[in-house]
Amino acid sequence: MSVMYTPRDARTSRSSIGRPQMIVEQHFHAASAAMSTAKPAITIGIHRSITRIRSVRSDIYRAEVSHRVPTGGLVAMPQIPDWHYNIDDDGSRYVVVTDLRVRLAGWSVESADADETVTRSNFTFGAIWADQSGHANSTDDGWAKDAWEASVEPGSLVRAFIVDGRRLEVDQWDSLAAWMIESLYDRPVGFLIEVGPSDYVADSTDDAPVVCSQVVVLSDGVVMLRRSRTELGHLLLVDYSSEGLPLDEWQNDRHFDDCTDGYLFTKDIRLVARSCIAWIRVNACVNTTDNIGCSYRFADELPRSS
């Protein structure tokens, strides 16, 4: 893809018979789009045998792909695909599936908000973007990817996937982890989110354990996860620099007085979210996500003169 004039518009894929292919999506006249592909093809052809170059409207291509069943694709019994939440530039929220080995035509998703208002929406075929870390977005950040998407209301959690009248229940802990991944994506330095028991009330005379987690966004895409069995205070950090921090290694040296079960520095927000949820689920002995509470805050900014 490095030979393309605009590499972010190119992505690798597989043809219907499994051959490697490169898709280039341009937003101008078809003839110009074909020419932008033809010249780099000369360089590619030195090292690879090119079977054909095809120029087609993107809506026609997506319609073709949405009805294609890849080799060794669908399983006999429907299963919930790997999915995540995504918010576009207008604030609209979606459930997104980028695994094209499953065909979600005719599928729908059911979600419910805090007031137990239930909504259903159908999956359609479209495209999103993924940055270098693999995080999906709708802001043209990274490279375009074909995807299935279904709209969901802000603040709601997915309950089930529906196909052929069959209801595939989503584990609510998985849905909560997906919500947390969504909440951590592209947050500013100093952003803090805390997860713990929803009925907890701070009381200096109560020595009962409080299983909780806290996540702080540091610089350069690094986040810090702290796991504890006592109430976590807000750290008064000198700065939010991540320089020199050991990544992806659990630290258990009791550096923070209120952090009783280690902390982790990482750029993988999926790891952070799932570790946070698993920690509370296993150690707090709670049976439902209704017993979990979350709070968040942004870093304070000093007033400045214009």
C-alpha atoms as a PDB file:
ATOM      1  CA  MET A   1       0.000   0.000   0.000  1.00  0.00           C
ATOM      2  CA  SER A   2       3.035   2.270   0.353  1.00  0.00           C
ATOM      3  CA  VAL A   3       3.137   2.730  -3.450  1.00  0.00           C
ATOM      4  CA  MET A   4      -0.272   4.443  -3.458  1.00  0.00           C
ATOM      5  CA  TYR A   5      -0.471   8.209  -3.663  1.00  0.00           C
ATOM      6  CA  THR A   6      -2.911   8.155  -0.709  1.00  0.00           C
ATOM      7  CA  PRO A   7      -2.183   4.955   1.280  1.00  0.00           C
ATOM      8  CA  ARG A   8      -4.991   5.655   3.774  1.00  0.00           C
ATOM      9  CA  ASP A   9      -7.520   5.027   0.960  1.00  0.00           C
ATOM     10  CA  ALA A  10      -6.132   1.537   0.281  1.00  0.00           C
ATOM     11  CA  ARG A  11      -6.774  -1.680   2.173  1.00  0.00           C
ATOM     12  CA  THR A  12      -5.930  -5.326   1.633  1.00  0.00           C
ATOM     13  CA  SER A  13      -8.636  -7.955   1.329  1.00  0.00           C
ATOM     14  CA  ARG A  14      -9.425 -11.371  -0.167  1.00  0.00           C
ATOM     15  CA  SER A  15     -11.409 -12.195  -3.284  1.00  0.00           C
ATOM     16  CA  SER A  16     -14.372 -14.581  -3.235  1.00  0.00           C
ATOM     17  CA  ILE A  17     -11.982 -17.479  -4.000  1.00  0.00           C
ATOM     18  CA  GLY A  18      -9.412 -16.421  -1.423  1.00  0.00           C
ATOM     19  CA  ARG A  19      -6.884 -14.585  -3.592  1.00  0.00           C
ATOM     20  CA  PRO A  20      -5.179 -11.506  -2.100  1.00  0.00           C
ATOM     21  CA  GLN A  21      -6.409  -8.206  -3.458  1.00  0.00           C
ATOM     22  CA  MET A  22      -6.073  -4.510  -2.758  1.00  0.00           C
ATOM     23  CA  ILE A  23      -9.085  -2.200  -2.687  1.00  0.00           C
ATOM     24  CA  VAL A  24      -8.594   1.502  -3.358  1.00  0.00           C
ATOM     25  CA  GLU A  25     -11.518   3.790  -2.592  1.00  0.00           C
ATOM     26  CA  GLN A  26     -11.429   7.269  -4.100  1.00  0.00           C
ATOM     27  CA  HIS A  27     -13.992  10.049  -3.854  1.00  0.00           C
ATOM     28  CA  PHE A  28     -13.830  11.521  -7.355  1.00  0.00           C
ATOM     29  CA  HIS A  29     -14.529  10.624 -11.004  1.00  0.00           C
ATOM     30  CA  ALA A  30     -14.286   6.903 -11.861  1.00  0.00           C
ATOM     31  CA  ALA A  31     -11.765   7.468 -14.660  1.00  0.00           C
ATOM     32  CA  SER A  32      -9.465   9.435 -12.349  1.00  0.00           C
ATOM     33  CA  ALA A  33      -9.817   6.757  -9.674  1.00  0.00           C
ATOM     34  CA  ALA A  34      -8.815   4.079 -12.197  1.00  0.00           C
ATOM     35  CA  MET A  35      -5.742   6.065 -13.251  1.00  0.00           C
ATOM     36  CA  SER A  36      -4.647   6.542  -9.625  1.00  0.00           C
ATOM     37  CA  THR A  37      -4.603   2.750  -9.329  1.00  0.00           C
ATOM     38  CA  ALA A  38      -3.075   1.950 -12.723  1.00  0.00           C
ATOM     39  CA  LYS A  39       0.254   3.737 -12.175  1.00  0.00           C
ATOM     40  CA  PRO A  40       1.047   2.105  -8.799  1.00  0.00           C
ATOM     41  CA  ALA A  41       0.053  -1.221 -10.392  1.00  0.00           C
ATOM     42  CA  ILE A  42       3.203  -1.003 -12.531  1.00  0.00           C
ATOM     43  CA  THR A  43       5.331  -1.071  -9.372  1.00  0.00           C
ATOM     44  CA  ILE A  44       3.229  -3.820  -7.816  1.00  0.00           C
ATOM     45  CA  GLY A  45       3.432  -5.869 -11.023  1.00  0.00           C
ATOM     46  CA  ILE A  46       7.219  -6.106 -10.732  1.00  0.00           C
ATOM     47  CA  HIS A  47       6.824  -8.324  -7.671  1.00  0.00           C
ATOM     48  CA  ARG A  48       3.306  -9.735  -8.087  1.00  0.00           C
ATOM     49  CA  SER A  49       1.203 -11.186 -10.868  1.00  0.00           C
ATOM     50  CA  ILE A  50      -1.883  -8.994 -11.303  1.00  0.00           C
ATOM     51  CA  THR A  51      -4.938 -10.847 -12.606  1.00  0.00           C
ATOM     52  CA  ARG A  52      -7.128  -7.798 -13.236  1.00  0.00           C
ATOM     53  CA  ILE A  53      -7.774  -4.190 -12.296  1.00  0.00           C
ATOM     54  CA  ARG A  54     -11.419  -3.272 -11.908  1.00  0.00           C
ATOM     55  CA  SER A  55     -13.037   0.136 -11.423  1.00  0.00           C
ATOM     56  CA  VAL A  56     -16.528   0.066  -9.909  1.00  0.00           C
ATOM     57  CA  ARG A  57     -18.761   2.351  -7.903  1.00  0.00           C
ATOM     58  CA  SER A  58     -18.381   1.737  -4.154  1.00  0.00           C
ATOM     59  CA  ASP A  59     -22.125   1.209  -3.579  1.00  0.00           C
ATOM     60  CA  ILE A  60     -22.180  -1.503  -6.248  1.00  0.00           C
ATOM     61  CA  TYR A  61     -19.092  -3.180  -4.766  1.00  0.00           C
ATOM     62  CA  ARG A  62     -20.552  -3.194  -1.257  1.00  0.00           C
ATOM     63  CA  ALA A  63     -23.801  -4.657  -2.537  1.00  0.00           C
ATOM     64  CA  GLU A  64     -21.808  -7.454  -4.171  1.00  0.00           C
ATOM     65  CA  VAL A  65     -19.739  -8.169  -1.055  1.00  0.00           C
ATOM     66  CA  SER A  66     -22.731  -8.098   1.280  1.00  0.00           C
ATOM     67  CA  HIS A  67     -24.202 -11.092  -0.578  1.00  0.00           C
ATOM     68  CA  ARG A  68     -20.953 -13.025  -0.811  1.00  0.00           C
ATOM     69  CA  VAL A  69     -20.319 -16.004   1.456  1.00  0.00           C
ATOM     70  CA  PRO A  70     -16.531 -16.423   1.878  1.00  0.00           C
ATOM     71  CA  THR A  71     -14.971 -19.872   1.654  1.00  0.00           C
ATOM     72  CA  GLY A  72     -15.292 -21.728   4.970  1.00  0.00           C
ATOM     73  CA  GLY A  73     -17.316 -18.817   6.326  1.00  0.00           C
ATOM     74  CA  LEU A  74     -20.656 -19.362   8.010  1.00  0.00           C
ATOM     75  CA  VAL A  75     -21.133 -21.952  10.699  1.00  0.00           C
ATOM     76  CA  ALA A  76     -24.200 -24.205  10.865  1.00  0.00           C
ATOM     77  CA  MET A  77     -25.560 -22.587  14.029  1.00  0.00           C
ATOM     78  CA  PRO A  78     -25.669 -18.755  14.207  1.00  0.00           C
ATOM     79  CA  GLN A  79     -23.233 -17.328  16.732  1.00  0.00           C
ATOM     80  CA  ILE A  80     -22.728 -13.836  18.067  1.00  0.00           C
ATOM     81  CA  PRO A  81     -19.889 -12.239  16.045  1.00  0.00           C
ATOM     82  CA  ASP A  82     -17.122 -10.134  17.506  1.00  0.00           C
ATOM     83  CA  TRP A  83     -18.639  -6.637  17.797  1.00  0.00           C
ATOM     84  CA  HIS A  84     -18.067  -3.217  19.333  1.00  0.00           C
ATOM     85  CA  TYR A  85     -19.699   0.184  19.705  1.00  0.00           C
ATOM     86  CA  ASN A  86     -18.832   3.113  17.455  1.00  0.00           C
ATOM     87  CA  ILE A  87     -19.927   6.788  17.395  1.00  0.00           C
ATOM     88  CA  ASP A  88     -19.799   8.860  14.201  1.00  0.00           C
ATOM     89  CA  ASP A  89     -19.153  12.581  13.701  1.00  0.00           C
ATOM     90  CA  ASP A  90     -22.825  13.426  14.246  1.00  0.00           C
ATOM     91  CA  GLY A  91     -22.991  11.582  17.564  1.00  0.00           C
ATOM     92  CA  SER A  92     -24.969   8.660  16.144  1.00  0.00           C
ATOM     93  CA  ARG A  93     -24.060   5.361  17.814  1.00  0.00           C
ATOM     94  CA  TYR A  94     -23.742   1.937  16.206  1.00  0.00           C
ATOM     95  CA  VAL A  95     -22.963  -1.686  16.875  1.00  0.00           C
ATOM     96  CA  VAL A  96     -20.240  -2.579  14.359  1.00  0.00           C
ATOM     97  CA  VAL A  97     -19.017  -5.949  13.066  1.00  0.00           C
ATOM     98  CA  THR A  98     -15.913  -5.965  10.841  1.00  0.00           C
ATOM     99  CA  ASP A  99     -15.579  -9.751  10.493  1.00  0.00           C
ATOM    100  CA  LEU A 100     -16.890 -10.345   6.960  1.00  0.00           C
ATOM    101  CA  ARG A 101     -16.830 -14.110   7.396  1.00  0.00           C
ATOM    102  CA  VAL A 102     -20.326 -13.653   8.774  1.00  0.00           C
ATOM    103  CA  ARG A 103     -23.169 -12.256   6.689  1.00  0.00           C
ATOM    104  CA  LEU A 104     -25.547 -10.185   8.811  1.00  0.00           C
ATOM    105  CA  ALA A 105     -28.174  -9.454   6.164  1.00  0.00           C
ATOM    106  CA  GLY A 106     -31.493 -10.080   7.910  1.00  0.00           C
ATOM    107  CA  TRP A 107     -29.943  -9.754  11.381  1.00  0.00           C
ATOM    108  CA  SER A 108     -30.960  -7.134  13.946  1.00  0.00           C
ATOM    109  CA  VAL A 109     -29.714  -6.060  17.350  1.00  0.00           C
ATOM    110  CA  GLU A 110     -31.731  -5.391  20.499  1.00  0.00           C
ATOM    111  CA  SER A 111     -30.599  -2.853  23.082  1.00  0.00           C
ATOM    112  CA  ALA A 112     -32.020  -1.261  26.226  1.00  0.00           C
ATOM    113  CA  ASP A 113     -31.277   2.027  27.999  1.00  0.00           C
ATOM    114  CA  ALA A 114     -31.227   2.814  31.719  1.00  0.00           C
ATOM    115  CA  ASP A 115     -35.026   3.228  31.716  1.00  0.00           C
ATOM    116  CA  GLU A 116     -35.410  -0.270  30.218  1.00  0.00           C
ATOM    117  CA  THR A 117     -36.648   1.179  26.933  1.00  0.00           C
ATOM    118  CA  VAL A 118     -35.980  -1.539  24.358  1.00  0.00           C
ATOM    119  CA  THR A 119     -35.152  -0.804  20.709  1.00  0.00           C
ATOM    120  CA  ARG A 120     -34.286  -2.984  17.724  1.00  0.00           C
ATOM    121  CA  SER A 121     -32.479  -2.050  14.535  1.00  0.00           C
ATOM    122  CA  ASN A 122     -31.377  -3.961  11.454  1.00  0.00           C
ATOM    123  CA  PHE A 123     -27.813  -4.446  10.249  1.00  0.00           C
ATOM    124  CA  THR A 124     -26.798  -2.798   6.987  1.00  0.00           C
ATOM    125  CA  PHE A 125     -23.545  -2.977   5.039  1.00  0.00           C
ATOM    126  CA  GLY A 126     -21.254   0.043   5.052  1.00  0.00           C
ATOM    127  CA  ALA A 127     -17.738   1.169   5.937  1.00  0.00           C
ATOM    128  CA  ILE A 128     -15.816   2.528   8.909  1.00  0.00           C
ATOM    129  CA  TRP A 129     -12.171   3.424   9.506  1.00  0.00           C
ATOM    130  CA  ALA A 130      -9.526   1.799  11.688  1.00  0.00           C
ATOM    131  CA  ASP A 131      -6.396   3.529  12.965  1.00  0.00           C
ATOM    132  CA  GLN A 132      -2.986   1.929  13.459  1.00  0.00           C
ATOM    133  CA  SER A 133      -3.989   0.499  16.844  1.00  0.00           C
ATOM    134  CA  GLY A 134      -7.045  -1.179  15.320  1.00  0.00           C
ATOM    135  CA  HIS A 135      -9.587   1.106  16.945  1.00  0.00           C
ATOM    136  CA  ALA A 136     -12.601   1.712  14.733  1.00  0.00           C
ATOM    137  CA  ASN A 137     -13.952   5.202  14.137  1.00  0.00           C
ATOM    138  CA  SER A 138     -16.105   7.226  11.775  1.00  0.00           C
ATOM    139  CA  THR A 139     -13.809  10.226  11.451  1.00  0.00           C
ATOM    140  CA  ASP A 140     -11.685   9.217   8.441  1.00  0.00           C
ATOM    141  CA  ASP A 141      -8.821   8.408  10.830  1.00  0.00           C
ATOM    142  CA  GLY A 142      -6.816   5.527   9.351  1.00  0.00           C
ATOM    143  CA  TRP A 143      -7.899   3.108   6.643  1.00  0.00           C
ATOM    144  CA  ALA A 144     -11.391   2.287   5.415  1.00  0.00           C
ATOM    145  CA  LYS A 145     -12.833  -1.117   6.283  1.00  0.00           C
ATOM    146  CA  ASP A 146     -16.026  -2.802   5.125  1.00  0.00           C
ATOM    147  CA  ALA A 147     -18.355  -3.427   8.048  1.00  0.00           C
ATOM    148  CA  TRP A 148     -21.856  -4.360   9.159  1.00  0.00           C
ATOM    149  CA  GLU A 149     -23.510  -1.778  11.395  1.00  0.00           C
ATOM    150  CA  ALA A 150     -26.780  -1.321  13.288  1.00  0.00           C
ATOM    151  CA  SER A 151     -27.829   1.840  15.126  1.00  0.00           C
ATOM    152  CA  VAL A 152     -28.309   1.879  18.913  1.00  0.00           C
ATOM    153  CA  GLU A 153     -29.384   4.636  21.274  1.00  0.00           C
ATOM    154  CA  PRO A 154     -26.762   6.618  23.262  1.00  0.00           C
ATOM    155  CA  GLY A 155     -26.212   5.136  26.712  1.00  0.00           C
ATOM    156  CA  SER A 156     -27.918   1.850  25.888  1.00  0.00           C
ATOM    157  CA  LEU A 157     -26.408  -1.626  26.176  1.00  0.00           C
ATOM    158  CA  VAL A 158     -26.832  -4.453  23.677  1.00  0.00           C
ATOM    159  CA  ARG A 159     -28.976  -7.311  24.934  1.00  0.00           C
ATOM    160  CA  ALA A 160     -29.243  -9.691  22.005  1.00  0.00           C
ATOM    161  CA  PHE A 161     -28.680 -10.360  18.315  1.00  0.00           C
ATOM    162  CA  ILE A 162     -31.796 -11.499  16.432  1.00  0.00           C
ATOM    163  CA  VAL A 163     -31.665 -13.788  13.356  1.00  0.00           C
ATOM    164  CA  ASP A 164     -34.436 -15.859  11.741  1.00  0.00           C
ATOM    165  CA  GLY A 165     -36.628 -15.340  14.793  1.00  0.00           C
ATOM    166  CA  ARG A 166     -33.904 -16.727  17.031  1.00  0.00           C
ATOM    167  CA  ARG A 167     -32.638 -14.661  19.930  1.00  0.00           C
ATOM    168  CA  LEU A 168     -28.889 -14.843  20.702  1.00  0.00           C
ATOM    169  CA  GLU A 169     -28.442 -13.403  24.192  1.00  0.00           C
ATOM    170  CA  VAL A 170     -25.389 -11.182  24.750  1.00  0.00           C
ATOM    171  CA  ASP A 171     -23.522 -11.659  28.024  1.00  0.00           C
ATOM    172  CA  GLN A 172     -24.160  -8.397  29.868  1.00  0.00           C
ATOM    173  CA  TRP A 173     -20.597  -8.354  31.188  1.00  0.00           C
ATOM    174  CA  ASP A 174     -19.334  -8.456  27.600  1.00  0.00           C
ATOM    175  CA  SER A 175     -21.708  -5.618  26.753  1.00  0.00           C
ATOM    176  CA  LEU A 176     -20.435  -3.602  29.726  1.00  0.00           C
ATOM    177  CA  ALA A 177     -16.816  -4.189  28.657  1.00  0.00           C
ATOM    178  CA  ALA A 178     -17.697  -3.023  25.129  1.00  0.00           C
ATOM    179  CA  TRP A 179     -19.273   0.106  26.625  1.00  0.00           C
ATOM    180  CA  MET A 180     -16.109   0.785  28.607  1.00  0.00           C
ATOM    181  CA  ILE A 181     -13.919   0.352  25.505  1.00  0.00           C
ATOM    182  CA  GLU A 182     -16.165   2.886  23.772  1.00  0.00           C
ATOM    183  CA  SER A 183     -15.874   5.260  26.747  1.00  0.00           C
ATOM    184  CA  LEU A 184     -12.067   5.142  26.732  1.00  0.00           C
ATOM    185  CA  TYR A 185     -11.534   5.691  23.014  1.00  0.00           C
ATOM    186  CA  ASP A 186      -9.819   8.956  22.047  1.00  0.00           C
ATOM    187  CA  ARG A 187     -10.138  10.559  25.490  1.00  0.00           C
ATOM    188  CA  PRO A 188      -7.949  13.543  26.404  1.00  0.00           C
ATOM    189  CA  VAL A 189      -4.994  13.359  28.781  1.00  0.00           C
ATOM    190  CA  GLY A 190      -6.155  13.448  32.385  1.00  0.00           C
ATOM    191  CA  PHE A 191      -9.499  11.763  31.724  1.00  0.00           C
ATOM    192  CA  LEU A 192     -10.426   9.453  34.611  1.00  0.00           C
ATOM    193  CA  ILE A 193     -13.082   6.744  34.867  1.00  0.00           C
ATOM    194  CA  GLU A 194     -13.909   4.717  37.978  1.00  0.00           C
ATOM    195  CA  VAL A 195     -15.868   1.471  38.268  1.00  0.00           C
ATOM    196  CA  GLY A 196     -17.158  -0.084  41.477  1.00  0.00           C
ATOM    197  CA  PRO A 197     -20.258  -1.149  43.434  1.00  0.00           C
ATOM    198  CA  SER A 198     -23.249   1.032  42.580  1.00  0.00           C
ATOM    199  CA  ASP A 199     -24.462   1.159  46.207  1.00  0.00           C
ATOM    200  CA  TYR A 200     -21.139   2.196  47.743  1.00  0.00           C
ATOM    201  CA  VAL A 201     -21.181   5.233  50.041  1.00  0.00           C
ATOM    202  CA  ALA A 202     -17.880   6.560  51.383  1.00  0.00           C
ATOM    203  CA  ASP A 203     -17.696   6.088  55.157  1.00  0.00           C
ATOM    204  CA  SER A 204     -14.453   6.505  57.079  1.00  0.00           C
ATOM    205  CA  THR A 205     -15.699   4.153  59.815  1.00  0.00           C
ATOM    206  CA  ASP A 206     -16.436   1.283  57.437  1.00  0.00           C
ATOM    207  CA  ASP A 207     -13.497  -1.101  56.948  1.00  0.00           C
ATOM    208  CA  ALA A 208     -15.332  -3.464  54.582  1.00  0.00           C
ATOM    209  CA  PRO A 209     -13.457  -4.199  51.316  1.00  0.00           C
ATOM    210  CA  VAL A 210     -14.478  -2.212  48.242  1.00  0.00           C
ATOM    211  CA  VAL A 211     -13.518  -3.974  45.014  1.00  0.00           C
ATOM    212  CA  CYS A 212     -13.035  -1.217  42.427  1.00  0.00           C
ATOM    213  CA  SER A 213     -10.943  -0.057  39.481  1.00  0.00           C
ATOM    214  CA  GLN A 214      -9.711   3.272  38.205  1.00  0.00           C
ATOM    215  CA  VAL A 215      -8.403   4.224  34.761  1.00  0.00           C
ATOM    216  CA  VAL A 216      -6.406   7.395  34.012  1.00  0.00           C
ATOM    217  CA  VAL A 217      -5.450   8.541  30.502  1.00  0.00           C
ATOM    218  CA  LEU A 218      -1.783   9.496  30.216  1.00  0.00           C
ATOM    219  CA  SER A 219       0.145  10.974  27.279  1.00  0.00           C
ATOM    220  CA  ASP A 220       0.895   9.286  23.938  1.00  0.00           C
ATOM    221  CA  GLY A 221      -2.131   6.969  24.078  1.00  0.00           C
ATOM    222  CA  VAL A 222      -1.066   5.230  27.315  1.00  0.00           C
ATOM    223  CA  VAL A 223      -3.621   4.530  30.048  1.00  0.00           C
ATOM    224  CA  MET A 224      -3.066   3.444  33.642  1.00  0.00           C
ATOM    225  CA  LEU A 225      -5.327   0.836  35.238  1.00  0.00           C
ATOM    226  CA  ARG A 226      -5.380   0.524  39.023  1.00  0.00           C
ATOM    227  CA  ARG A 227      -7.141  -2.370  40.763  1.00  0.00           C
ATOM    228  CA  SER A 228      -7.931  -2.250  44.443  1.00  0.00           C
ATOM    229  CA  ARG A 229      -9.959  -3.678  47.325  1.00  0.00           C
ATOM    230  CA  THR A 230     -10.218  -0.276  49.001  1.00  0.00           C
ATOM    231  CA  GLU A 231     -11.626   3.042  47.832  1.00  0.00           C
ATOM    232  CA  LEU A 232      -9.194   4.646  45.376  1.00  0.00           C
ATOM    233  CA  GLY A 233      -8.265   8.288  45.815  1.00  0.00           C
ATOM    234  CA  HIS A 234      -7.518  10.628  42.927  1.00  0.00           C
ATOM    235  CA  LEU A 235      -3.779  10.793  42.293  1.00  0.00           C
ATOM    236  CA  LEU A 236      -2.091  14.205  42.395  1.00  0.00           C
ATOM    237  CA  LEU A 237       0.275  13.512  39.517  1.00  0.00           C
ATOM    238  CA  VAL A 238       3.179  15.825  38.752  1.00  0.00           C
ATOM    239  CA  ASP A 239       2.392  15.324  35.053  1.00  0.00           C
ATOM    240  CA  TYR A 240       0.733  12.808  32.750  1.00  0.00           C
ATOM    241  CA  SER A 241       3.855  11.863  30.809  1.00  0.00           C
ATOM    242  CA  SER A 242       4.151   8.176  29.885  1.00  0.00           C
ATOM    243  CA  GLU A 243       7.871   8.376  29.083  1.00  0.00           C
ATOM    244  CA  GLY A 244       9.849   5.518  30.616  1.00  0.00           C
ATOM    245  CA  LEU A 245       6.833   3.645  31.959  1.00  0.00           C
ATOM    246  CA  PRO A 246       6.903  -0.176  31.564  1.00  0.00           C
ATOM    247  CA  LEU A 247       4.054  -1.113  29.233  1.00  0.00           C
ATOM    248  CA  ASP A 248       1.911  -4.253  29.422  1.00  0.00           C
ATOM    249  CA  GLU A 249       3.488  -5.477  32.690  1.00  0.00           C
ATOM    250  CA  TRP A 250       1.520  -5.760  35.907  1.00  0.00           C
ATOM    251  CA  GLN A 251       3.154  -3.801  38.741  1.00  0.00           C
ATOM    252  CA  ASN A 252       2.621  -5.168  42.255  1.00  0.00           C
ATOM    253  CA  ASP A 253       5.156  -3.186  44.271  1.00  0.00           C
ATOM    254  CA  ARG A 254       2.514  -1.213  46.206  1.00  0.00           C
ATOM    255  CA  HIS A 255       3.733   2.112  44.752  1.00  0.00           C
ATOM    256  CA  PHE A 256       0.352   3.677  45.561  1.00  0.00           C
ATOM    257  CA  ASP A 257      -0.896   3.309  49.137  1.00  0.00           C
ATOM    258  CA  ASP A 258      -4.505   2.800  48.090  1.00  0.00           C
ATOM    259  CA  CYS A 259      -3.761   0.392  45.223  1.00  0.00           C
ATOM    260  CA  THR A 260      -3.880  -3.056  46.810  1.00  0.00           C
ATOM    261  CA  ASP A 261      -3.824  -5.294  43.761  1.00  0.00           C
ATOM    262  CA  GLY A 262      -1.444  -3.826  41.250  1.00  0.00           C
ATOM    263  CA  TYR A 263      -1.510  -1.408  38.344  1.00  0.00           C
ATOM    264  CA  LEU A 264      -0.824  -1.568  34.636  1.00  0.00           C
ATOM    265  CA  PHE A 265       0.358   0.848  31.954  1.00  0.00           C
ATOM    266  CA  THR A 266      -0.754  -0.005  28.423  1.00  0.00           C
ATOM    267  CA  LYS A 267      -2.024   1.388  25.107  1.00  0.00           C
ATOM    268  CA  ASP A 268      -4.536  -1.452  24.723  1.00  0.00           C
ATOM    269  CA  ILE A 269      -7.886  -0.090  25.927  1.00  0.00           C
ATOM    270  CA  ARG A 270      -9.505  -3.464  25.191  1.00  0.00           C
ATOM    271  CA  LEU A 271      -7.176  -5.076  27.721  1.00  0.00           C
ATOM    272  CA  VAL A 272      -7.907  -2.326  30.227  1.00  0.00           C
ATOM    273  CA  ALA A 273     -11.679  -2.573  29.909  1.00  0.00           C
ATOM    274  CA  ARG A 274     -11.845  -6.357  30.058  1.00  0.00           C
ATOM    275  CA  SER A 275      -9.370  -6.571  32.945  1.00  0.00           C
ATOM    276  CA  CYS A 276     -11.328  -3.961  34.863  1.00  0.00           C
ATOM    277  CA  ILE A 277     -14.665  -5.748  34.388  1.00  0.00           C
ATOM    278  CA  ALA A 278     -13.217  -9.197  35.091  1.00  0.00           C
ATOM    279  CA  TRP A 279     -11.566  -7.947  38.298  1.00  0.00           C
ATOM    280  CA  ILE A 280     -14.843  -6.664  39.712  1.00  0.00           C
ATOM    281  CA  ARG A 281     -16.953  -9.541  38.433  1.00  0.00           C
ATOM    282  CA  VAL A 282     -14.755 -12.211  40.029  1.00  0.00           C
ATOM    283  CA  ASN A 283     -13.741 -10.500  43.266  1.00  0.00           C
ATOM    284  CA  ALA A 284     -16.796  -8.415  44.170  1.00  0.00           C
ATOM    285  CA  CYS A 285     -19.124 -11.450  44.008  1.00  0.00           C
ATOM    286  CA  VAL A 286     -21.781  -9.561  42.051  1.00  0.00           C
ATOM    287  CA  ASN A 287     -24.190 -11.472  39.822  1.00  0.00           C
ATOM    288  CA  THR A 288     -25.453  -8.725  37.547  1.00  0.00           C
ATOM    289  CA  THR A 289     -24.195  -5.553  35.884  1.00  0.00           C
ATOM    290  CA  ASP A 290     -27.013  -3.675  37.664  1.00  0.00           C
ATOM    291  CA  ASN A 291     -24.802  -3.723  40.776  1.00  0.00           C
ATOM    292  CA  ILE A 292     -21.969  -1.880  38.986  1.00  0.00           C
ATOM    293  CA  GLY A 293     -21.575   1.888  39.061  1.00  0.00           C
ATOM    294  CA  CYS A 294     -19.332   4.108  36.919  1.00  0.00           C
ATOM    295  CA  SER A 295     -18.226   7.708  37.194  1.00  0.00           C
ATOM    296  CA  TYR A 296     -15.833   9.834  35.177  1.00  0.00           C
ATOM    297  CA  ARG A 297     -14.233  13.248  35.122  1.00  0.00           C
ATOM    298  CA  PHE A 298     -12.035  15.333  32.844  1.00  0.00           C
ATOM    299  CA  ALA A 299      -8.870  17.130  33.890  1.00  0.00           C
ATOM    300  CA  ASP A 300      -9.338  20.684  35.175  1.00  0.00           C
ATOM    301  CA  GLU A 301      -8.053  23.505  32.990  1.00  0.00           C
ATOM    302  CA  LEU A 302      -6.755  26.821  34.261  1.00  0.00           C
ATOM    303  CA  PRO A 303      -8.505  29.939  32.943  1.00  0.00           C
ATOM    304  CA  ARG A 304      -6.334  31.764  30.449  1.00  0.00           C
ATOM    305  CA  SER A 305      -6.555  35.209  28.922  1.00  0.00           C
ATOM    306  CA  SER A 306      -7.109  35.397  25.182  1.00  0.00           C
END
